Amino acid sequence: MLRIAALSIFTAIFSLPALAQDQFQCAGATVTIGVDATMPLRSTEGADVILRVERGPRSTILRYSNVDFVRGECDTDANHFSRVIYQAVCGGSGCHDLSNWGVIDPESLQALLVPSNDSLEPAIALLGHKPVLKGKPMSVSAEAHRLGLPTP
């Protein structure tokens, strides 16, 4: 009987929707950027990206559709305050891949800037320097396919 219960719990846990994700810490906050694998998908264009910044019981959650690449890191502004910086961009020739920056305060969890086609200059103004991501961005399409999602 105990084996059946353990198997049932194990099966239930691993049948929950998966979230392909990147996770890092920033000034005591946990930042998670991932592909939402919850079915059905909200868009026929592809999977959504969820960015979550958690500090204790509080969190800020942002959802993005029609994003091809996403990446985030912890940075500091000119006043030495920690900031979560991230970039969410599409991959087409009309995409503004040098812009589309977001900035979140990991202490207050306030979204100071959300990605848009003209967010580079405001990001520079907030940080006191040009935002730069060191790692390779997550391909939303590749992660969605890895999770078995029916995306184009």
C-alpha atoms as a PDB file:
ATOM      1  CA  MET A   1       0.000   0.000   0.000  1.00  0.00           C
ATOM      2  CA  LEU A   2       2.827   2.371   0.872  1.00  0.00           C
ATOM      3  CA  ARG A   3       4.496   1.674  -2.491  1.00  0.00           C
ATOM      4  CA  ILE A   4       1.290   2.533  -4.351  1.00  0.00           C
ATOM      5  CA  ALA A   5       0.979   5.817  -2.450  1.00  0.00           C
ATOM      6  CA  ALA A   6       4.634   6.700  -3.109  1.00  0.00           C
ATOM      7  CA  LEU A   7       4.271   5.845  -6.800  1.00  0.00           C
ATOM      8  CA  SER A   8       1.101   7.949  -7.040  1.00  0.00           C
ATOM      9  CA  ILE A   9       2.823  10.958  -5.461  1.00  0.00           C
ATOM     10  CA  PHE A  10       5.899  10.516  -7.688  1.00  0.00           C
ATOM     11  CA  THR A  11       3.700  10.308 -10.806  1.00  0.00           C
ATOM     12  CA  ALA A  12       1.669  13.369  -9.788  1.00  0.00           C
ATOM     13  CA  ILE A  13       4.782  15.461  -9.193  1.00  0.00           C
ATOM     14  CA  PHE A  14       6.378  14.571 -12.511  1.00  0.00           C
ATOM     15  CA  SER A  15       3.171  15.028 -14.498  1.00  0.00           C
ATOM     16  CA  LEU A  16       2.934  18.712 -13.527  1.00  0.00           C
ATOM     17  CA  PRO A  17       3.776  21.210 -16.275  1.00  0.00           C
ATOM     18  CA  ALA A  18       7.510  21.691 -16.693  1.00  0.00           C
ATOM     19  CA  LEU A  19       9.173  25.069 -16.764  1.00  0.00           C
ATOM     20  CA  ALA A  20      12.427  25.358 -18.692  1.00  0.00           C
ATOM     21  CA  GLN A  21      14.243  28.006 -16.740  1.00  0.00           C
ATOM     22  CA  ASP A  22      17.275  30.058 -15.875  1.00  0.00           C
ATOM     23  CA  GLN A  23      17.630  31.024 -12.216  1.00  0.00           C
ATOM     24  CA  PHE A  24      19.981  33.399 -10.374  1.00  0.00           C
ATOM     25  CA  GLN A  25      20.202  35.461  -7.184  1.00  0.00           C
ATOM     26  CA  CYS A  26      20.241  39.253  -7.030  1.00  0.00           C
ATOM     27  CA  ALA A  27      20.541  41.125  -3.703  1.00  0.00           C
ATOM     28  CA  GLY A  28      18.682  38.405  -1.813  1.00  0.00           C
ATOM     29  CA  ALA A  29      15.974  37.957  -4.441  1.00  0.00           C
ATOM     30  CA  THR A  30      15.581  34.827  -6.547  1.00  0.00           C
ATOM     31  CA  VAL A  31      15.108  35.527 -10.244  1.00  0.00           C
ATOM     32  CA  THR A  32      13.622  32.859 -12.500  1.00  0.00           C
ATOM     33  CA  ILE A  33      13.235  33.273 -16.256  1.00  0.00           C
ATOM     34  CA  GLY A  34      11.511  30.419 -18.011  1.00  0.00           C
ATOM     35  CA  VAL A  35       9.315  29.051 -20.747  1.00  0.00           C
ATOM     36  CA  ASP A  36       5.774  28.342 -19.591  1.00  0.00           C
ATOM     37  CA  ALA A  37       4.850  24.791 -20.582  1.00  0.00           C
ATOM     38  CA  THR A  38       1.267  25.000 -19.325  1.00  0.00           C
ATOM     39  CA  MET A  39      -1.130  23.635 -21.924  1.00  0.00           C
ATOM     40  CA  PRO A  40      -2.941  24.844 -23.879  1.00  0.00           C
ATOM     41  CA  LEU A  41      -0.545  27.532 -25.073  1.00  0.00           C
ATOM     42  CA  ARG A  42      -1.962  31.068 -24.988  1.00  0.00           C
ATOM     43  CA  SER A  43      -0.628  31.896 -28.469  1.00  0.00           C
ATOM     44  CA  THR A  44      -0.219  30.095 -31.775  1.00  0.00           C
ATOM     45  CA  GLU A  45       3.024  32.057 -32.252  1.00  0.00           C
ATOM     46  CA  GLY A  46       4.897  30.137 -29.548  1.00  0.00           C
ATOM     47  CA  ALA A  47       5.306  29.630 -25.838  1.00  0.00           C
ATOM     48  CA  ASP A  48       5.184  32.418 -23.267  1.00  0.00           C
ATOM     49  CA  VAL A  49       8.136  33.535 -21.163  1.00  0.00           C
ATOM     50  CA  ILE A  50       7.623  34.098 -17.450  1.00  0.00           C
ATOM     51  CA  LEU A  51       9.994  36.257 -15.407  1.00  0.00           C
ATOM     52  CA  ARG A  52       9.593  35.950 -11.643  1.00  0.00           C
ATOM     53  CA  VAL A  53      11.506  37.906  -8.997  1.00  0.00           C
ATOM     54  CA  GLU A  54      10.836  36.585  -5.479  1.00  0.00           C
ATOM     55  CA  ARG A  55      11.876  37.991  -2.131  1.00  0.00           C
ATOM     56  CA  GLY A  56      10.422  36.163   0.839  1.00  0.00           C
ATOM     57  CA  PRO A  57       6.643  35.850   0.447  1.00  0.00           C
ATOM     58  CA  ARG A  58       6.441  38.640  -2.165  1.00  0.00           C
ATOM     59  CA  SER A  59       7.026  38.361  -5.888  1.00  0.00           C
ATOM     60  CA  THR A  60       6.805  40.239  -9.150  1.00  0.00           C
ATOM     61  CA  ILE A  61       5.716  38.141 -12.116  1.00  0.00           C
ATOM     62  CA  LEU A  62       5.866  39.322 -15.721  1.00  0.00           C
ATOM     63  CA  ARG A  63       4.666  37.309 -18.743  1.00  0.00           C
ATOM     64  CA  TYR A  64       5.817  37.888 -22.317  1.00  0.00           C
ATOM     65  CA  SER A  65       4.368  36.492 -25.543  1.00  0.00           C
ATOM     66  CA  ASN A  66       6.005  36.466 -28.983  1.00  0.00           C
ATOM     67  CA  VAL A  67       9.546  36.573 -27.566  1.00  0.00           C
ATOM     68  CA  ASP A  68      12.256  34.521 -29.293  1.00  0.00           C
ATOM     69  CA  PHE A  69      15.217  35.091 -26.958  1.00  0.00           C
ATOM     70  CA  VAL A  70      15.460  36.075 -23.290  1.00  0.00           C
ATOM     71  CA  ARG A  71      18.289  36.498 -20.802  1.00  0.00           C
ATOM     72  CA  GLY A  72      18.805  38.206 -17.454  1.00  0.00           C
ATOM     73  CA  GLU A  73      21.507  38.966 -14.899  1.00  0.00           C
ATOM     74  CA  CYS A  74      22.153  40.873 -11.705  1.00  0.00           C
ATOM     75  CA  ASP A  75      23.862  44.227 -12.280  1.00  0.00           C
ATOM     76  CA  THR A  76      24.523  47.386 -10.265  1.00  0.00           C
ATOM     77  CA  ASP A  77      23.575  50.933 -11.113  1.00  0.00           C
ATOM     78  CA  ALA A  78      25.763  54.041 -10.784  1.00  0.00           C
ATOM     79  CA  ASN A  79      24.727  54.356  -7.108  1.00  0.00           C
ATOM     80  CA  HIS A  80      25.827  50.744  -6.425  1.00  0.00           C
ATOM     81  CA  PHE A  81      22.270  49.470  -5.982  1.00  0.00           C
ATOM     82  CA  SER A  82      21.606  45.990  -7.335  1.00  0.00           C
ATOM     83  CA  ARG A  83      19.301  45.747 -10.329  1.00  0.00           C
ATOM     84  CA  VAL A  84      17.871  42.800 -12.235  1.00  0.00           C
ATOM     85  CA  ILE A  85      18.438  43.500 -15.918  1.00  0.00           C
ATOM     86  CA  TYR A  86      16.938  41.406 -18.674  1.00  0.00           C
ATOM     87  CA  GLN A  87      16.361  41.513 -22.390  1.00  0.00           C
ATOM     88  CA  ALA A  88      13.406  39.925 -24.196  1.00  0.00           C
ATOM     89  CA  VAL A  89      13.644  40.143 -27.983  1.00  0.00           C
ATOM     90  CA  CYS A  90      12.146  38.668 -31.108  1.00  0.00           C
ATOM     91  CA  GLY A  91      14.428  37.184 -33.734  1.00  0.00           C
ATOM     92  CA  GLY A  92      13.209  38.759 -36.976  1.00  0.00           C
ATOM     93  CA  SER A  93      14.862  41.385 -39.138  1.00  0.00           C
ATOM     94  CA  GLY A  94      12.466  44.049 -37.843  1.00  0.00           C
ATOM     95  CA  CYS A  95      13.291  43.348 -34.201  1.00  0.00           C
ATOM     96  CA  HIS A  96      15.160  45.848 -32.058  1.00  0.00           C
ATOM     97  CA  ASP A  97      17.706  43.413 -30.645  1.00  0.00           C
ATOM     98  CA  LEU A  98      19.863  46.201 -29.180  1.00  0.00           C
ATOM     99  CA  SER A  99      16.920  47.494 -27.156  1.00  0.00           C
ATOM    100  CA  ASN A 100      14.062  45.680 -25.367  1.00  0.00           C
ATOM    101  CA  TRP A 101      15.639  46.005 -21.907  1.00  0.00           C
ATOM    102  CA  GLY A 102      13.874  45.544 -18.602  1.00  0.00           C
ATOM    103  CA  VAL A 103      15.075  46.609 -15.142  1.00  0.00           C
ATOM    104  CA  ILE A 104      13.673  45.449 -11.793  1.00  0.00           C
ATOM    105  CA  ASP A 105      14.626  46.587  -8.286  1.00  0.00           C
ATOM    106  CA  PRO A 106      15.306  43.319  -6.375  1.00  0.00           C
ATOM    107  CA  GLU A 107      14.698  45.035  -3.010  1.00  0.00           C
ATOM    108  CA  SER A 108      11.256  46.564  -3.666  1.00  0.00           C
ATOM    109  CA  LEU A 109      10.391  44.175  -6.567  1.00  0.00           C
ATOM    110  CA  GLN A 110       9.293  47.208  -8.580  1.00  0.00           C
ATOM    111  CA  ALA A 111       9.558  46.948 -12.368  1.00  0.00           C
ATOM    112  CA  LEU A 112      11.500  50.110 -13.174  1.00  0.00           C
ATOM    113  CA  LEU A 113      11.512  49.476 -16.934  1.00  0.00           C
ATOM    114  CA  VAL A 114       9.857  46.887 -19.166  1.00  0.00           C
ATOM    115  CA  PRO A 115      11.212  45.809 -22.555  1.00  0.00           C
ATOM    116  CA  SER A 116      10.120  47.909 -25.519  1.00  0.00           C
ATOM    117  CA  ASN A 117      11.566  48.904 -28.878  1.00  0.00           C
ATOM    118  CA  ASP A 118      12.995  52.097 -27.393  1.00  0.00           C
ATOM    119  CA  SER A 119      14.071  51.022 -23.894  1.00  0.00           C
ATOM    120  CA  LEU A 120      17.871  51.185 -24.357  1.00  0.00           C
ATOM    121  CA  GLU A 121      18.196  54.895 -23.517  1.00  0.00           C
ATOM    122  CA  PRO A 122      15.931  54.650 -20.432  1.00  0.00           C
ATOM    123  CA  ALA A 123      17.940  51.582 -19.297  1.00  0.00           C
ATOM    124  CA  ILE A 124      21.176  53.569 -19.631  1.00  0.00           C
ATOM    125  CA  ALA A 125      19.598  56.425 -17.648  1.00  0.00           C
ATOM    126  CA  LEU A 126      18.498  54.030 -14.864  1.00  0.00           C
ATOM    127  CA  LEU A 127      21.796  52.140 -14.639  1.00  0.00           C
ATOM    128  CA  GLY A 128      24.273  54.884 -15.454  1.00  0.00           C
ATOM    129  CA  HIS A 129      25.838  52.612 -18.078  1.00  0.00           C
ATOM    130  CA  LYS A 130      24.839  50.540 -21.081  1.00  0.00           C
ATOM    131  CA  PRO A 131      23.325  47.193 -20.034  1.00  0.00           C
ATOM    132  CA  VAL A 132      25.322  44.152 -21.117  1.00  0.00           C
ATOM    133  CA  LEU A 133      24.467  40.468 -20.729  1.00  0.00           C
ATOM    134  CA  LYS A 134      27.459  38.144 -20.517  1.00  0.00           C
ATOM    135  CA  GLY A 135      25.834  34.825 -21.351  1.00  0.00           C
ATOM    136  CA  LYS A 136      24.011  33.403 -24.318  1.00  0.00           C
ATOM    137  CA  PRO A 137      20.267  34.135 -24.330  1.00  0.00           C
ATOM    138  CA  MET A 138      17.736  31.345 -23.904  1.00  0.00           C
ATOM    139  CA  SER A 139      16.067  30.397 -27.182  1.00  0.00           C
ATOM    140  CA  VAL A 140      12.371  30.227 -26.358  1.00  0.00           C
ATOM    141  CA  SER A 141      11.671  28.073 -29.425  1.00  0.00           C
ATOM    142  CA  ALA A 142      14.434  25.568 -28.596  1.00  0.00           C
ATOM    143  CA  GLU A 143      13.254  25.285 -24.972  1.00  0.00           C
ATOM    144  CA  ALA A 144       9.634  24.892 -26.076  1.00  0.00           C
ATOM    145  CA  HIS A 145      10.605  22.112 -28.485  1.00  0.00           C
ATOM    146  CA  ARG A 146      12.729  20.449 -25.781  1.00  0.00           C
ATOM    147  CA  LEU A 147       9.646  20.423 -23.557  1.00  0.00           C
ATOM    148  CA  GLY A 148       7.568  18.891 -26.360  1.00  0.00           C
ATOM    149  CA  LEU A 149       5.345  21.930 -26.855  1.00  0.00           C
ATOM    150  CA  PRO A 150       3.497  22.265 -30.176  1.00  0.00           C
ATOM    151  CA  THR A 151       5.180  25.467 -31.335  1.00  0.00           C
ATOM    152  CA  PRO A 152       6.125  26.574 -34.861  1.00  0.00           C
END
